[in-house]
Amino acid sequence: MLKQSLSALAIAAATTFMPLAAYSQTATYYSDAYQGARTASGERFNTWDYTAAHPSYALGTVVQVTNLNNGRSVTVRINDRCNCGIDLSKAAAQQIDLLRSGVAPVSIRRVR
């Protein structure tokens, strides 16, 4: 019984914290209509900053996002929330050649 409880706690802990290892999600990017709007962190959104929205990474976390279609990567800071995989600023999306397609599979790796 104790072993099962400890296993359940270990699973809960593992799913609570985001791993350093990369994992795959879908990336999109913010519309220009959000320029100047407040983000979840309280700062104003700037489409030309290297920032992103993510549903579960802590605000302020720095992640490397790699477009799995072309291997291009960009480092961004999480400053907002979204309901999808990851929403990149326009600058970050441009860096990994996401503007044309608007959506791409990406790997996300926490840097710090």
Protein backbone atom coordinates (compact mmCIF):
# COMPACT_ATOMS: atom_id res chain seq x y z
CA MET A 1 0.00 0.00 0.00
CA LEU A 2 2.77 2.42 0.95
CA LYS A 3 4.66 1.54 -2.25
CA GLN A 4 1.55 2.32 -4.35
CA SER A 5 1.10 5.66 -2.55
CA LEU A 6 4.73 6.58 -3.16
CA SER A 7 4.40 5.62 -6.83
CA ALA A 8 1.31 7.81 -7.17
CA LEU A 9 3.19 10.70 -5.54
CA ALA A 10 6.16 10.19 -7.88
CA ILE A 11 3.86 10.25 -10.92
CA ALA A 12 2.09 13.38 -9.65
CA ALA A 13 5.43 15.11 -9.04
CA ALA A 14 6.75 14.14 -12.46
CA THR A 15 3.71 15.56 -14.21
CA THR A 16 3.66 18.76 -12.12
CA PHE A 17 7.10 20.01 -13.17
CA MET A 18 8.13 20.48 -16.79
CA PRO A 19 11.16 18.37 -17.71
CA LEU A 20 14.41 19.66 -19.15
CA ALA A 21 14.08 17.13 -21.97
CA ALA A 22 12.46 18.22 -25.22
CA TYR A 23 8.98 17.14 -26.15
CA SER A 24 6.78 17.73 -29.17
CA GLN A 25 3.84 20.13 -29.50
CA THR A 26 2.21 22.34 -32.10
CA ALA A 27 3.32 25.95 -32.51
CA THR A 28 1.32 28.88 -33.81
CA TYR A 29 1.97 32.60 -33.55
CA TYR A 30 0.18 35.66 -32.19
CA SER A 31 -1.92 37.82 -34.47
CA ASP A 32 -0.81 41.44 -34.83
CA ALA A 33 -4.12 42.37 -33.16
CA TYR A 34 -2.58 41.51 -29.76
CA GLN A 35 0.16 44.16 -30.06
CA GLY A 36 0.17 46.20 -26.83
CA ALA A 37 -2.31 43.96 -24.98
CA ARG A 38 -1.48 42.85 -21.44
CA THR A 39 -0.04 39.36 -21.08
CA ALA A 40 -0.58 37.02 -18.14
CA SER A 41 2.73 38.27 -16.70
CA GLY A 42 1.35 41.83 -16.69
CA GLU A 43 3.69 43.17 -19.37
CA ARG A 44 2.51 44.53 -22.68
CA PHE A 45 2.80 42.16 -25.64
CA ASN A 46 5.35 43.22 -28.26
CA THR A 47 5.23 41.17 -31.44
CA TRP A 48 8.95 41.82 -32.04
CA ASP A 49 10.16 40.50 -28.66
CA TYR A 50 11.21 36.85 -28.39
CA THR A 51 8.35 35.73 -26.15
CA ALA A 52 5.67 33.03 -26.13
CA ALA A 53 2.51 31.80 -24.45
CA HIS A 54 2.29 28.28 -23.04
CA PRO A 55 -0.46 26.58 -21.02
CA SER A 56 1.75 25.17 -18.25
CA TYR A 57 5.36 26.43 -18.18
CA ALA A 58 5.92 28.93 -15.37
CA LEU A 59 5.94 32.57 -16.45
CA GLY A 60 9.54 33.68 -16.99
CA THR A 61 10.72 30.23 -18.10
CA VAL A 62 13.11 30.32 -21.06
CA VAL A 63 12.61 27.59 -23.66
CA GLN A 64 14.16 26.61 -26.96
CA VAL A 65 11.57 25.91 -29.67
CA THR A 66 12.66 23.91 -32.72
CA ASN A 67 10.55 23.64 -35.86
CA LEU A 68 10.53 19.92 -36.64
CA ASN A 69 9.82 20.60 -40.33
CA ASN A 70 13.12 22.43 -40.91
CA GLY A 71 15.29 22.13 -37.78
CA ARG A 72 15.39 25.90 -37.12
CA SER A 73 15.37 26.95 -33.45
CA VAL A 74 14.63 30.05 -31.40
CA THR A 75 14.90 30.82 -27.69
CA VAL A 76 11.91 32.56 -26.10
CA ARG A 77 10.69 33.60 -22.67
CA ILE A 78 7.23 32.47 -21.54
CA ASN A 79 5.22 35.56 -20.58
CA ASP A 80 1.62 34.56 -21.36
CA ARG A 81 -0.89 31.70 -21.29
CA CYS A 82 -2.68 29.95 -24.16
CA ASN A 83 -4.93 26.95 -24.70
CA CYS A 84 -2.79 25.37 -27.42
CA GLY A 85 0.75 23.97 -27.62
CA ILE A 86 2.78 27.17 -27.76
CA ASP A 87 2.01 30.60 -29.25
CA LEU A 88 5.10 32.46 -30.44
CA SER A 89 5.61 36.15 -30.99
CA LYS A 90 5.92 37.14 -34.65
CA ALA A 91 9.68 37.68 -34.29
CA ALA A 92 10.14 34.18 -32.88
CA ALA A 93 7.87 32.65 -35.51
CA GLN A 94 9.83 34.39 -38.26
CA GLN A 95 13.11 33.03 -36.83
CA ILE A 96 11.92 29.41 -37.28
CA ASP A 97 10.12 30.04 -40.59
CA LEU A 98 6.60 29.64 -39.20
CA LEU A 99 4.98 32.74 -40.75
CA ARG A 100 4.06 31.13 -44.07
CA SER A 101 2.46 27.97 -42.71
CA GLY A 102 1.10 29.52 -39.49
CA VAL A 103 1.37 26.20 -37.66
CA ALA A 104 4.10 23.58 -37.29
CA PRO A 105 5.15 20.68 -35.09
CA VAL A 106 7.89 21.78 -32.71
CA SER A 107 10.01 20.39 -29.92
CA ILE A 108 10.21 22.47 -26.77
CA ARG A 109 13.17 22.25 -24.38
CA ARG A 110 13.40 24.23 -21.16
CA VAL A 111 16.64 26.22 -21.02
CA ARG A 112 16.10 27.81 -17.60
